[in-house]
Amino acid sequence: MVILLPPDSATDGQGVGKMGFHMAANVRKKMPSSSTLYVFDVNTEACRRFQTNFASHGPIEIANAAKDLASQSSTVISMVPMDEHARAVYLDPENGVIAASKDPNRLLLECSTINVTTTQDIGRKVFDAGVGTYVDTPVSGGVRGAEAGTLSFFLGYKATDNGDHFSKRILSVVEWMGAADKINFCGDLGLGLVCKITNNYIGLTNIVVAAEGLAFGLRHGVDKGILYKCIKASSGDSWALTFSNPVPGIIPESASSNGFKAGFTSRLCAKDLGLALQAAREVGIRPKMGEISLKYYEEADKDPSTTGLDGSSVWLHINDEAADFVRLE
């Protein structure tokens, strides 16, 4: 997905999937009201809905291709599910950003979680084509963080100590979507993704560990509320325990307490863990915890009872409850 603004604006690009919809909303709310926001997504209905919901904050136009958006813009923001989608957005010879008008000062912020080598390849090719400076800009914080404008950003750009022109431009854009204290310059092209993939590896394996631990604690007869309070006040506390708790009924806002309605599906969990396992093996690390966790997420994705549900639905498989699970309509 891609959002773009005119060349005289501070920013220009993105899309309207679950997270992108809210990221785009924050861009539209915080950019100058007189500037036009251009949006593009393969789901044109989502674009129309976005246009209807946020046109009161300023003009919004739906574009037909990434090439057209980039040609009108000084900054592009993109977020897509998979590597092949990122390659299509940027490298398609007819409709991709690489086919846009030449502008080496154009800023290209790619927020997807994709393979490090993919992002490096895209970055080099669009730079060599003279259509812009590409920065891997993955995010963390989920749909809630996107809606609240409190996302973390991992920036694959080496900023100077005093802040160069590009780093200041990057900050001016991502601060519309993220919390200032959660924005980090990680180094050269690709290292933003290395940081994001490392974070996801830890977070996703932690969900599985939390599910296993909570499962045997409850089977021994501890009340789930008491067990949660004990862990929350001790060394077992984690982001997974608080924000992605796999046990229904502990955290009212969690996916598990709402029929495991997907915030981040098991398929996406498996995709991100796969990226992490590849990154680990490339530098000689055997990611054994990740290998085990990946099997849980793949099982949850393939099982008709849980496919399409939130990744925390691994809880149902750990407890042999998947076959009896009734989806909420």
C-alpha atoms as a PDB file:
ATOM      1  CA  MET A   1       0.000   0.000   0.000  1.00  0.00           C
ATOM      2  CA  VAL A   2       1.191   3.481  -0.753  1.00  0.00           C
ATOM      3  CA  ILE A   3       0.234   7.001   0.346  1.00  0.00           C
ATOM      4  CA  LEU A   4       1.666  10.051  -1.373  1.00  0.00           C
ATOM      5  CA  LEU A   5       1.550  13.839  -1.154  1.00  0.00           C
ATOM      6  CA  PRO A   6       2.519  16.648  -3.566  1.00  0.00           C
ATOM      7  CA  PRO A   7       6.201  17.667  -3.884  1.00  0.00           C
ATOM      8  CA  ASP A   8       5.889  20.756  -1.702  1.00  0.00           C
ATOM      9  CA  SER A   9       4.515  18.776   1.253  1.00  0.00           C
ATOM     10  CA  ALA A  10       6.496  17.256   4.093  1.00  0.00           C
ATOM     11  CA  THR A  11       5.536  13.699   3.197  1.00  0.00           C
ATOM     12  CA  ASP A  12       3.938  11.599   0.496  1.00  0.00           C
ATOM     13  CA  GLY A  13       3.136   7.868   0.583  1.00  0.00           C
ATOM     14  CA  GLN A  14       1.539   4.718   2.210  1.00  0.00           C
ATOM     15  CA  GLY A  15      -1.533   2.409   2.061  1.00  0.00           C
ATOM     16  CA  VAL A  16      -4.665   1.259   3.813  1.00  0.00           C
ATOM     17  CA  GLY A  17      -4.424  -2.258   5.217  1.00  0.00           C
ATOM     18  CA  LYS A  18      -5.190  -2.857   8.905  1.00  0.00           C
ATOM     19  CA  MET A  19      -2.190  -0.908  10.176  1.00  0.00           C
ATOM     20  CA  GLY A  20      -1.758   1.291   7.140  1.00  0.00           C
ATOM     21  CA  PHE A  21      -5.323   2.562   7.400  1.00  0.00           C
ATOM     22  CA  HIS A  22      -4.576   4.071  10.809  1.00  0.00           C
ATOM     23  CA  MET A  23      -1.083   5.214   9.832  1.00  0.00           C
ATOM     24  CA  ALA A  24      -2.559   7.002   6.836  1.00  0.00           C
ATOM     25  CA  ALA A  25      -5.242   8.533   9.055  1.00  0.00           C
ATOM     26  CA  ASN A  26      -2.602  10.052  11.322  1.00  0.00           C
ATOM     27  CA  VAL A  27      -0.725  11.397   8.305  1.00  0.00           C
ATOM     28  CA  ARG A  28      -3.899  13.010   6.958  1.00  0.00           C
ATOM     29  CA  LYS A  29      -4.788  14.492  10.356  1.00  0.00           C
ATOM     30  CA  LYS A  30      -1.327  15.941  11.010  1.00  0.00           C
ATOM     31  CA  MET A  31      -0.173  17.098   7.568  1.00  0.00           C
ATOM     32  CA  PRO A  32      -1.179  20.575   6.332  1.00  0.00           C
ATOM     33  CA  SER A  33      -4.922  20.596   5.705  1.00  0.00           C
ATOM     34  CA  SER A  34      -4.440  22.354   2.363  1.00  0.00           C
ATOM     35  CA  SER A  35      -2.209  19.573   0.977  1.00  0.00           C
ATOM     36  CA  THR A  36      -3.646  16.664  -0.971  1.00  0.00           C
ATOM     37  CA  LEU A  37      -3.043  13.131   0.286  1.00  0.00           C
ATOM     38  CA  TYR A  38      -2.853  10.510  -2.457  1.00  0.00           C
ATOM     39  CA  VAL A  39      -3.537   6.886  -1.500  1.00  0.00           C
ATOM     40  CA  PHE A  40      -3.147   3.651  -3.403  1.00  0.00           C
ATOM     41  CA  ASP A  41      -4.049   0.097  -2.466  1.00  0.00           C
ATOM     42  CA  VAL A  42      -5.000  -3.014  -4.427  1.00  0.00           C
ATOM     43  CA  ASN A  43      -8.169  -2.929  -2.311  1.00  0.00           C
ATOM     44  CA  THR A  44      -9.859   0.093  -3.855  1.00  0.00           C
ATOM     45  CA  GLU A  45     -12.839  -0.240  -1.518  1.00  0.00           C
ATOM     46  CA  ALA A  46     -10.528   0.359   1.449  1.00  0.00           C
ATOM     47  CA  CYS A  47      -9.268   3.493  -0.298  1.00  0.00           C
ATOM     48  CA  ARG A  48     -12.826   4.747  -0.800  1.00  0.00           C
ATOM     49  CA  ARG A  49     -13.674   4.058   2.836  1.00  0.00           C
ATOM     50  CA  PHE A  50     -10.548   5.920   3.928  1.00  0.00           C
ATOM     51  CA  GLN A  51     -11.453   8.818   1.670  1.00  0.00           C
ATOM     52  CA  THR A  52     -14.963   8.999   3.136  1.00  0.00           C
ATOM     53  CA  ASN A  53     -13.787   8.778   6.737  1.00  0.00           C
ATOM     54  CA  PHE A  54     -11.004  11.364   6.629  1.00  0.00           C
ATOM     55  CA  ALA A  55     -11.780  13.837   3.840  1.00  0.00           C
ATOM     56  CA  SER A  56     -12.837  16.351   6.495  1.00  0.00           C
ATOM     57  CA  HIS A  57      -9.143  16.726   7.412  1.00  0.00           C
ATOM     58  CA  GLY A  58      -8.104  17.701   3.892  1.00  0.00           C
ATOM     59  CA  PRO A  59      -8.266  16.536   0.270  1.00  0.00           C
ATOM     60  CA  ILE A  60      -7.672  12.841  -0.449  1.00  0.00           C
ATOM     61  CA  GLU A  61      -7.293  11.378  -3.930  1.00  0.00           C
ATOM     62  CA  ILE A  62      -7.077   7.727  -4.953  1.00  0.00           C
ATOM     63  CA  ALA A  63      -4.279   6.947  -7.397  1.00  0.00           C
ATOM     64  CA  ASN A  64      -3.979   4.113  -9.911  1.00  0.00           C
ATOM     65  CA  ALA A  65      -0.330   3.090  -9.573  1.00  0.00           C
ATOM     66  CA  ALA A  66       2.776   3.597  -7.446  1.00  0.00           C
ATOM     67  CA  LYS A  67       4.560   5.153 -10.433  1.00  0.00           C
ATOM     68  CA  ASP A  68       1.973   7.923 -10.707  1.00  0.00           C
ATOM     69  CA  LEU A  69       2.083   8.629  -6.987  1.00  0.00           C
ATOM     70  CA  ALA A  70       5.858   8.801  -6.828  1.00  0.00           C
ATOM     71  CA  SER A  71       6.073  11.085  -9.855  1.00  0.00           C
ATOM     72  CA  GLN A  72       3.976  13.678  -8.020  1.00  0.00           C
ATOM     73  CA  SER A  73       5.677  13.308  -4.663  1.00  0.00           C
ATOM     74  CA  SER A  74       8.765  14.101  -2.660  1.00  0.00           C
ATOM     75  CA  THR A  75       8.158  11.322  -0.127  1.00  0.00           C
ATOM     76  CA  VAL A  76       6.678   7.842  -0.434  1.00  0.00           C
ATOM     77  CA  ILE A  77       5.590   5.602   2.450  1.00  0.00           C
ATOM     78  CA  SER A  78       4.767   1.964   1.733  1.00  0.00           C
ATOM     79  CA  MET A  79       3.628  -1.051   3.725  1.00  0.00           C
ATOM     80  CA  VAL A  80       2.838  -4.432   2.170  1.00  0.00           C
ATOM     81  CA  PRO A  81       2.558  -8.022   3.480  1.00  0.00           C
ATOM     82  CA  MET A  82       5.282  -9.882   1.577  1.00  0.00           C
ATOM     83  CA  ASP A  83       8.576  -9.471  -0.298  1.00  0.00           C
ATOM     84  CA  GLU A  84       6.929  -9.967  -3.694  1.00  0.00           C
ATOM     85  CA  HIS A  85       4.514  -7.125  -2.991  1.00  0.00           C
ATOM     86  CA  ALA A  86       7.358  -4.765  -2.071  1.00  0.00           C
ATOM     87  CA  ARG A  87       9.188  -5.697  -5.271  1.00  0.00           C
ATOM     88  CA  ALA A  88       6.039  -5.007  -7.286  1.00  0.00           C
ATOM     89  CA  VAL A  89       5.477  -1.592  -5.676  1.00  0.00           C
ATOM     90  CA  TYR A  90       9.046  -0.459  -6.264  1.00  0.00           C
ATOM     91  CA  LEU A  91      10.516  -2.472  -9.145  1.00  0.00           C
ATOM     92  CA  ASP A  92       7.645  -3.174 -11.557  1.00  0.00           C
ATOM     93  CA  PRO A  93       9.042  -1.687 -14.787  1.00  0.00           C
ATOM     94  CA  GLU A  94       5.711  -0.237 -15.897  1.00  0.00           C
ATOM     95  CA  ASN A  95       3.825   0.766 -12.741  1.00  0.00           C
ATOM     96  CA  GLY A  96       6.393   0.666  -9.936  1.00  0.00           C
ATOM     97  CA  VAL A  97       8.199   3.534  -8.254  1.00  0.00           C
ATOM     98  CA  ILE A  98      11.254   2.753 -10.401  1.00  0.00           C
ATOM     99  CA  ALA A  99       9.250   3.936 -13.434  1.00  0.00           C
ATOM    100  CA  ALA A 100       8.545   7.337 -11.843  1.00  0.00           C
ATOM    101  CA  SER A 101      10.157  10.599 -12.868  1.00  0.00           C
ATOM    102  CA  LYS A 102      13.789  11.031 -11.796  1.00  0.00           C
ATOM    103  CA  ASP A 103      14.321  12.686  -8.413  1.00  0.00           C
ATOM    104  CA  PRO A 104      17.314  11.636  -6.264  1.00  0.00           C
ATOM    105  CA  ASN A 105      15.949  13.746  -3.395  1.00  0.00           C
ATOM    106  CA  ARG A 106      12.692  11.798  -3.242  1.00  0.00           C
ATOM    107  CA  LEU A 107      12.399   9.976   0.105  1.00  0.00           C
ATOM    108  CA  LEU A 108      11.139   6.372  -0.045  1.00  0.00           C
ATOM    109  CA  LEU A 109      10.135   4.947   3.351  1.00  0.00           C
ATOM    110  CA  GLU A 110       9.374   1.207   3.214  1.00  0.00           C
ATOM    111  CA  CYS A 111       7.597   0.127   6.420  1.00  0.00           C
ATOM    112  CA  SER A 112       7.035  -3.570   5.658  1.00  0.00           C
ATOM    113  CA  THR A 113       8.628  -6.489   7.480  1.00  0.00           C
ATOM    114  CA  ILE A 114      10.393  -8.269   4.628  1.00  0.00           C
ATOM    115  CA  ASN A 115      13.689 -10.012   3.950  1.00  0.00           C
ATOM    116  CA  VAL A 116      16.799  -7.918   4.583  1.00  0.00           C
ATOM    117  CA  THR A 117      18.348  -8.852   1.237  1.00  0.00           C
ATOM    118  CA  THR A 118      15.109  -7.932  -0.541  1.00  0.00           C
ATOM    119  CA  THR A 119      15.048  -4.448   0.946  1.00  0.00           C
ATOM    120  CA  GLN A 120      18.746  -3.929   0.171  1.00  0.00           C
ATOM    121  CA  ASP A 121      18.198  -4.995  -3.429  1.00  0.00           C
ATOM    122  CA  ILE A 122      15.208  -2.672  -3.838  1.00  0.00           C
ATOM    123  CA  GLY A 123      17.077   0.194  -2.215  1.00  0.00           C
ATOM    124  CA  ARG A 124      20.093  -0.101  -4.495  1.00  0.00           C
ATOM    125  CA  LYS A 125      18.025  -0.457  -7.669  1.00  0.00           C
ATOM    126  CA  VAL A 126      15.786   2.566  -7.077  1.00  0.00           C
ATOM    127  CA  PHE A 127      18.822   4.642  -6.068  1.00  0.00           C
ATOM    128  CA  ASP A 128      20.708   3.599  -9.201  1.00  0.00           C
ATOM    129  CA  ALA A 129      17.618   4.478 -11.242  1.00  0.00           C
ATOM    130  CA  GLY A 130      17.704   7.994  -9.791  1.00  0.00           C
ATOM    131  CA  VAL A 131      14.150   7.911  -8.436  1.00  0.00           C
ATOM    132  CA  GLY A 132      14.924   8.403  -4.755  1.00  0.00           C
ATOM    133  CA  THR A 133      16.672   7.468  -1.529  1.00  0.00           C
ATOM    134  CA  TYR A 134      15.161   4.315  -0.050  1.00  0.00           C
ATOM    135  CA  VAL A 135      15.103   3.648   3.706  1.00  0.00           C
ATOM    136  CA  ASP A 136      13.879   0.468   5.380  1.00  0.00           C
ATOM    137  CA  THR A 137      11.467   1.827   7.997  1.00  0.00           C
ATOM    138  CA  PRO A 138       9.737  -1.149   9.656  1.00  0.00           C
ATOM    139  CA  VAL A 139       7.379  -0.538  12.556  1.00  0.00           C
ATOM    140  CA  SER A 140       6.239  -2.235  15.744  1.00  0.00           C
ATOM    141  CA  GLY A 141       3.199  -1.649  17.905  1.00  0.00           C
ATOM    142  CA  GLY A 142       0.391  -3.387  16.076  1.00  0.00           C
ATOM    143  CA  VAL A 143      -2.968  -2.007  15.049  1.00  0.00           C
ATOM    144  CA  ARG A 144      -3.472  -0.301  18.414  1.00  0.00           C
ATOM    145  CA  GLY A 145      -0.155   1.523  18.118  1.00  0.00           C
ATOM    146  CA  ALA A 146      -0.942   2.529  14.551  1.00  0.00           C
ATOM    147  CA  GLU A 147      -4.306   3.946  15.590  1.00  0.00           C
ATOM    148  CA  ALA A 148      -2.853   5.798  18.574  1.00  0.00           C
ATOM    149  CA  GLY A 149       0.117   7.133  16.604  1.00  0.00           C
ATOM    150  CA  THR A 150       2.569   5.538  19.039  1.00  0.00           C
ATOM    151  CA  LEU A 151       4.378   3.079  16.761  1.00  0.00           C
ATOM    152  CA  SER A 152       8.046   2.242  17.131  1.00  0.00           C
ATOM    153  CA  PHE A 153      10.178   2.833  14.028  1.00  0.00           C
ATOM    154  CA  PHE A 154      13.430   1.077  13.106  1.00  0.00           C
ATOM    155  CA  LEU A 155      15.239   3.190  10.513  1.00  0.00           C
ATOM    156  CA  GLY A 156      17.826   1.704   8.161  1.00  0.00           C
ATOM    157  CA  TYR A 157      19.642   4.999   7.734  1.00  0.00           C
ATOM    158  CA  LYS A 158      22.914   6.207   9.231  1.00  0.00           C
ATOM    159  CA  ALA A 159      22.191   9.694  10.532  1.00  0.00           C
ATOM    160  CA  THR A 160      25.013  12.116  11.292  1.00  0.00           C
ATOM    161  CA  ASP A 161      25.580  13.291  14.851  1.00  0.00           C
ATOM    162  CA  ASN A 162      24.147  16.721  14.102  1.00  0.00           C
ATOM    163  CA  GLY A 163      21.321  15.436  11.936  1.00  0.00           C
ATOM    164  CA  ASP A 164      21.551  15.680   8.141  1.00  0.00           C
ATOM    165  CA  HIS A 165      18.837  16.856   5.772  1.00  0.00           C
ATOM    166  CA  PHE A 166      17.462  13.387   5.055  1.00  0.00           C
ATOM    167  CA  SER A 167      17.368  12.286   8.697  1.00  0.00           C
ATOM    168  CA  LYS A 168      15.437  15.418   9.631  1.00  0.00           C
ATOM    169  CA  ARG A 169      12.975  14.766   6.810  1.00  0.00           C
ATOM    170  CA  ILE A 170      12.560  11.166   7.919  1.00  0.00           C
ATOM    171  CA  LEU A 171      11.829  12.226  11.495  1.00  0.00           C
ATOM    172  CA  SER A 172       9.331  14.881  10.399  1.00  0.00           C
ATOM    173  CA  VAL A 173       7.320  12.167   8.656  1.00  0.00           C
ATOM    174  CA  VAL A 174       7.510   9.203  11.016  1.00  0.00           C
ATOM    175  CA  GLU A 175       6.709  11.352  14.061  1.00  0.00           C
ATOM    176  CA  TRP A 176       3.215  11.759  12.579  1.00  0.00           C
ATOM    177  CA  MET A 177       2.754   8.011  13.011  1.00  0.00           C
ATOM    178  CA  GLY A 178       5.025   7.088  15.906  1.00  0.00           C
ATOM    179  CA  ALA A 179       6.193   8.096  19.365  1.00  0.00           C
ATOM    180  CA  ALA A 180       9.308  10.294  19.314  1.00  0.00           C
ATOM    181  CA  ASP A 181      11.017   8.214  22.008  1.00  0.00           C
ATOM    182  CA  LYS A 182      10.445   5.016  19.996  1.00  0.00           C
ATOM    183  CA  ILE A 183      12.144   6.129  16.777  1.00  0.00           C
ATOM    184  CA  ASN A 184      15.666   4.780  16.276  1.00  0.00           C
ATOM    185  CA  PHE A 185      18.246   5.171  13.526  1.00  0.00           C
ATOM    186  CA  CYS A 186      19.763   1.695  13.258  1.00  0.00           C
ATOM    187  CA  GLY A 187      22.560   2.175  10.729  1.00  0.00           C
ATOM    188  CA  ASP A 188      22.993   1.305   7.070  1.00  0.00           C
ATOM    189  CA  LEU A 189      20.329   0.119   4.621  1.00  0.00           C
ATOM    190  CA  GLY A 190      18.771  -3.109   5.907  1.00  0.00           C
ATOM    191  CA  LEU A 191      19.737  -2.724   9.558  1.00  0.00           C
ATOM    192  CA  GLY A 192      16.347  -1.282  10.466  1.00  0.00           C
ATOM    193  CA  LEU A 193      14.871  -4.582   9.335  1.00  0.00           C
ATOM    194  CA  VAL A 194      17.508  -6.544  11.238  1.00  0.00           C
ATOM    195  CA  CYS A 195      16.392  -4.785  14.434  1.00  0.00           C
ATOM    196  CA  LYS A 196      12.705  -5.344  13.625  1.00  0.00           C
ATOM    197  CA  ILE A 197      13.156  -9.021  12.768  1.00  0.00           C
ATOM    198  CA  THR A 198      15.164  -9.550  15.965  1.00  0.00           C
ATOM    199  CA  ASN A 199      12.377  -7.906  17.955  1.00  0.00           C
ATOM    200  CA  ASN A 200       9.733 -10.071  16.292  1.00  0.00           C
ATOM    201  CA  TYR A 201      11.716 -13.239  16.940  1.00  0.00           C
ATOM    202  CA  ILE A 202      11.811 -12.473  20.654  1.00  0.00           C
ATOM    203  CA  GLY A 203       8.173 -11.346  20.816  1.00  0.00           C
ATOM    204  CA  LEU A 204       6.689 -14.230  18.824  1.00  0.00           C
ATOM    205  CA  THR A 205       8.614 -16.953  20.643  1.00  0.00           C
ATOM    206  CA  ASN A 206       7.590 -15.253  23.888  1.00  0.00           C
ATOM    207  CA  ILE A 207       3.903 -15.706  23.020  1.00  0.00           C
ATOM    208  CA  VAL A 208       4.458 -19.447  22.648  1.00  0.00           C
ATOM    209  CA  VAL A 209       6.444 -19.664  25.891  1.00  0.00           C
ATOM    210  CA  ALA A 210       3.752 -17.658  27.721  1.00  0.00           C
ATOM    211  CA  ALA A 211       1.039 -19.947  26.338  1.00  0.00           C
ATOM    212  CA  GLU A 212       2.864 -23.098  27.439  1.00  0.00           C
ATOM    213  CA  GLY A 213       3.655 -21.727  30.896  1.00  0.00           C
ATOM    214  CA  LEU A 214       0.166 -20.397  31.531  1.00  0.00           C
ATOM    215  CA  ALA A 215      -1.310 -23.676  30.285  1.00  0.00           C
ATOM    216  CA  PHE A 216       0.451 -25.885  32.806  1.00  0.00           C
ATOM    217  CA  GLY A 217      -0.052 -23.335  35.594  1.00  0.00           C
ATOM    218  CA  LEU A 218      -3.801 -23.371  35.042  1.00  0.00           C
ATOM    219  CA  ARG A 219      -3.936 -27.163  34.774  1.00  0.00           C
ATOM    220  CA  HIS A 220      -2.369 -27.375  38.214  1.00  0.00           C
ATOM    221  CA  GLY A 221      -5.377 -25.444  39.513  1.00  0.00           C
ATOM    222  CA  VAL A 222      -4.154 -21.865  39.933  1.00  0.00           C
ATOM    223  CA  ASP A 223      -6.804 -19.214  39.259  1.00  0.00           C
ATOM    224  CA  LYS A 224      -5.938 -17.475  35.989  1.00  0.00           C
ATOM    225  CA  GLY A 225      -6.249 -14.000  37.499  1.00  0.00           C
ATOM    226  CA  ILE A 226      -3.934 -14.876  40.373  1.00  0.00           C
ATOM    227  CA  LEU A 227      -1.438 -16.558  38.049  1.00  0.00           C
ATOM    228  CA  TYR A 228      -1.370 -13.474  35.829  1.00  0.00           C
ATOM    229  CA  LYS A 229      -0.815 -11.142  38.814  1.00  0.00           C
ATOM    230  CA  CYS A 230       2.028 -13.302  40.109  1.00  0.00           C
ATOM    231  CA  ILE A 231       3.844 -13.347  36.775  1.00  0.00           C
ATOM    232  CA  LYS A 232       3.114  -9.683  36.075  1.00  0.00           C
ATOM    233  CA  ALA A 233       4.860  -8.732  39.324  1.00  0.00           C
ATOM    234  CA  SER A 234       7.847 -10.981  38.665  1.00  0.00           C
ATOM    235  CA  SER A 235      10.579 -11.812  36.158  1.00  0.00           C
ATOM    236  CA  GLY A 236       8.167 -13.594  33.795  1.00  0.00           C
ATOM    237  CA  ASP A 237       6.446 -10.338  32.850  1.00  0.00           C
ATOM    238  CA  SER A 238       6.591  -9.488  29.154  1.00  0.00           C
ATOM    239  CA  TRP A 239       4.909  -7.654  26.310  1.00  0.00           C
ATOM    240  CA  ALA A 240       3.294 -10.956  25.288  1.00  0.00           C
ATOM    241  CA  LEU A 241       1.804 -11.434  28.739  1.00  0.00           C
ATOM    242  CA  THR A 242       0.286  -7.946  28.801  1.00  0.00           C
ATOM    243  CA  PHE A 243      -0.666  -7.146  25.217  1.00  0.00           C
ATOM    244  CA  SER A 244      -0.979 -10.527  23.519  1.00  0.00           C
ATOM    245  CA  ASN A 245      -2.008 -12.704  26.433  1.00  0.00           C
ATOM    246  CA  PRO A 246      -3.119 -16.022  24.931  1.00  0.00           C
ATOM    247  CA  VAL A 247      -5.514 -16.958  27.751  1.00  0.00           C
ATOM    248  CA  PRO A 248      -9.130 -15.876  27.157  1.00  0.00           C
ATOM    249  CA  GLY A 249     -10.585 -13.734  29.914  1.00  0.00           C
ATOM    250  CA  ILE A 250      -7.427 -12.295  31.474  1.00  0.00           C
ATOM    251  CA  ILE A 251      -6.998  -9.136  29.374  1.00  0.00           C
ATOM    252  CA  PRO A 252     -10.398  -7.902  28.075  1.00  0.00           C
ATOM    253  CA  GLU A 253      -8.842  -6.115  25.069  1.00  0.00           C
ATOM    254  CA  SER A 254      -6.681  -9.040  23.968  1.00  0.00           C
ATOM    255  CA  ALA A 255      -7.466 -11.070  20.859  1.00  0.00           C
ATOM    256  CA  SER A 256      -7.865 -14.199  22.985  1.00  0.00           C
ATOM    257  CA  SER A 257     -10.683 -12.562  24.956  1.00  0.00           C
ATOM    258  CA  ASN A 258     -12.436 -11.616  21.736  1.00  0.00           C
ATOM    259  CA  GLY A 259     -12.627 -14.932  19.930  1.00  0.00           C
ATOM    260  CA  PHE A 260      -8.994 -14.655  18.826  1.00  0.00           C
ATOM    261  CA  LYS A 261     -10.056 -12.072  16.264  1.00  0.00           C
ATOM    262  CA  ALA A 262      -6.897 -11.376  14.320  1.00  0.00           C
ATOM    263  CA  GLY A 263      -4.744  -8.413  15.104  1.00  0.00           C
ATOM    264  CA  PHE A 264      -1.782 -10.296  13.638  1.00  0.00           C
ATOM    265  CA  THR A 265      -2.610 -13.660  12.101  1.00  0.00           C
ATOM    266  CA  SER A 266      -0.742 -16.913  12.642  1.00  0.00           C
ATOM    267  CA  ARG A 267       0.249 -16.811   8.981  1.00  0.00           C
ATOM    268  CA  LEU A 268       1.962 -13.454   9.438  1.00  0.00           C
ATOM    269  CA  CYS A 269       3.579 -14.720  12.643  1.00  0.00           C
ATOM    270  CA  ALA A 270       4.958 -17.671  10.690  1.00  0.00           C
ATOM    271  CA  LYS A 271       6.148 -15.372   7.918  1.00  0.00           C
ATOM    272  CA  ASP A 272       8.013 -13.095  10.328  1.00  0.00           C
ATOM    273  CA  LEU A 273       9.513 -16.002  12.242  1.00  0.00           C
ATOM    274  CA  GLY A 274      10.666 -17.467   8.946  1.00  0.00           C
ATOM    275  CA  LEU A 275      12.478 -14.217   8.183  1.00  0.00           C
ATOM    276  CA  ALA A 276      14.113 -14.329  11.608  1.00  0.00           C
ATOM    277  CA  LEU A 277      15.220 -17.934  11.231  1.00  0.00           C
ATOM    278  CA  GLN A 278      16.782 -17.113   7.885  1.00  0.00           C
ATOM    279  CA  ALA A 279      18.559 -14.056   9.315  1.00  0.00           C
ATOM    280  CA  ALA A 280      19.898 -16.113  12.227  1.00  0.00           C
ATOM    281  CA  ARG A 281      21.214 -18.920  10.039  1.00  0.00           C
ATOM    282  CA  GLU A 282      22.910 -16.463   7.704  1.00  0.00           C
ATOM    283  CA  VAL A 283      25.258 -15.485  10.547  1.00  0.00           C
ATOM    284  CA  GLY A 284      25.743 -18.941  12.033  1.00  0.00           C
ATOM    285  CA  ILE A 285      23.095 -18.955  14.788  1.00  0.00           C
ATOM    286  CA  ARG A 286      20.861 -22.035  15.213  1.00  0.00           C
ATOM    287  CA  PRO A 287      17.484 -20.562  16.300  1.00  0.00           C
ATOM    288  CA  LYS A 288      16.094 -23.619  18.115  1.00  0.00           C
ATOM    289  CA  MET A 289      13.382 -21.758  20.057  1.00  0.00           C
ATOM    290  CA  GLY A 290      12.219 -20.141  16.855  1.00  0.00           C
ATOM    291  CA  GLU A 291      12.087 -23.450  15.013  1.00  0.00           C
ATOM    292  CA  ILE A 292       9.746 -24.894  17.634  1.00  0.00           C
ATOM    293  CA  SER A 293       7.589 -21.757  17.750  1.00  0.00           C
ATOM    294  CA  LEU A 294       7.332 -21.680  13.964  1.00  0.00           C
ATOM    295  CA  LYS A 295       5.743 -25.150  14.010  1.00  0.00           C
ATOM    296  CA  TYR A 296       3.038 -23.895  16.395  1.00  0.00           C
ATOM    297  CA  TYR A 297       2.166 -20.934  14.162  1.00  0.00           C
ATOM    298  CA  GLU A 298       2.186 -23.066  11.012  1.00  0.00           C
ATOM    299  CA  GLU A 299      -0.114 -25.581  12.702  1.00  0.00           C
ATOM    300  CA  ALA A 300      -2.516 -22.812  13.745  1.00  0.00           C
ATOM    301  CA  ASP A 301      -2.528 -21.393  10.222  1.00  0.00           C
ATOM    302  CA  LYS A 302      -3.157 -24.743   8.509  1.00  0.00           C
ATOM    303  CA  ASP A 303      -5.855 -25.963  10.910  1.00  0.00           C
ATOM    304  CA  PRO A 304      -9.315 -25.035   9.520  1.00  0.00           C
ATOM    305  CA  SER A 305     -10.448 -24.352  13.098  1.00  0.00           C
ATOM    306  CA  THR A 306      -7.888 -21.597  13.649  1.00  0.00           C
ATOM    307  CA  THR A 307      -6.695 -20.408  10.247  1.00  0.00           C
ATOM    308  CA  GLY A 308      -7.059 -16.645   9.887  1.00  0.00           C
ATOM    309  CA  LEU A 309      -7.151 -16.111  13.641  1.00  0.00           C
ATOM    310  CA  ASP A 310      -4.704 -14.154  15.766  1.00  0.00           C
ATOM    311  CA  GLY A 311      -1.306 -15.700  16.411  1.00  0.00           C
ATOM    312  CA  SER A 312      -2.159 -16.095  20.081  1.00  0.00           C
ATOM    313  CA  SER A 313      -4.542 -18.861  18.964  1.00  0.00           C
ATOM    314  CA  VAL A 314      -1.544 -21.194  19.396  1.00  0.00           C
ATOM    315  CA  TRP A 315      -3.084 -21.439  22.878  1.00  0.00           C
ATOM    316  CA  LEU A 316      -5.846 -23.611  21.429  1.00  0.00           C
ATOM    317  CA  HIS A 317      -3.334 -26.057  19.975  1.00  0.00           C
ATOM    318  CA  ILE A 318      -1.211 -26.225  23.105  1.00  0.00           C
ATOM    319  CA  ASN A 319      -4.373 -27.123  25.036  1.00  0.00           C
ATOM    320  CA  ASP A 320      -5.833 -29.438  22.375  1.00  0.00           C
ATOM    321  CA  GLU A 321      -8.905 -27.192  22.151  1.00  0.00           C
ATOM    322  CA  ALA A 322      -8.710 -26.189  18.474  1.00  0.00           C
ATOM    323  CA  ALA A 323     -11.213 -28.785  17.249  1.00  0.00           C
ATOM    324  CA  ASP A 324     -13.849 -27.580  19.729  1.00  0.00           C
ATOM    325  CA  PHE A 325     -13.303 -23.845  19.183  1.00  0.00           C
ATOM    326  CA  VAL A 326     -16.356 -21.925  17.960  1.00  0.00           C
ATOM    327  CA  ARG A 327     -15.595 -18.748  16.033  1.00  0.00           C
ATOM    328  CA  LEU A 328     -17.369 -15.519  16.897  1.00  0.00           C
ATOM    329  CA  GLU A 329     -19.370 -14.045  14.026  1.00  0.00           C
END
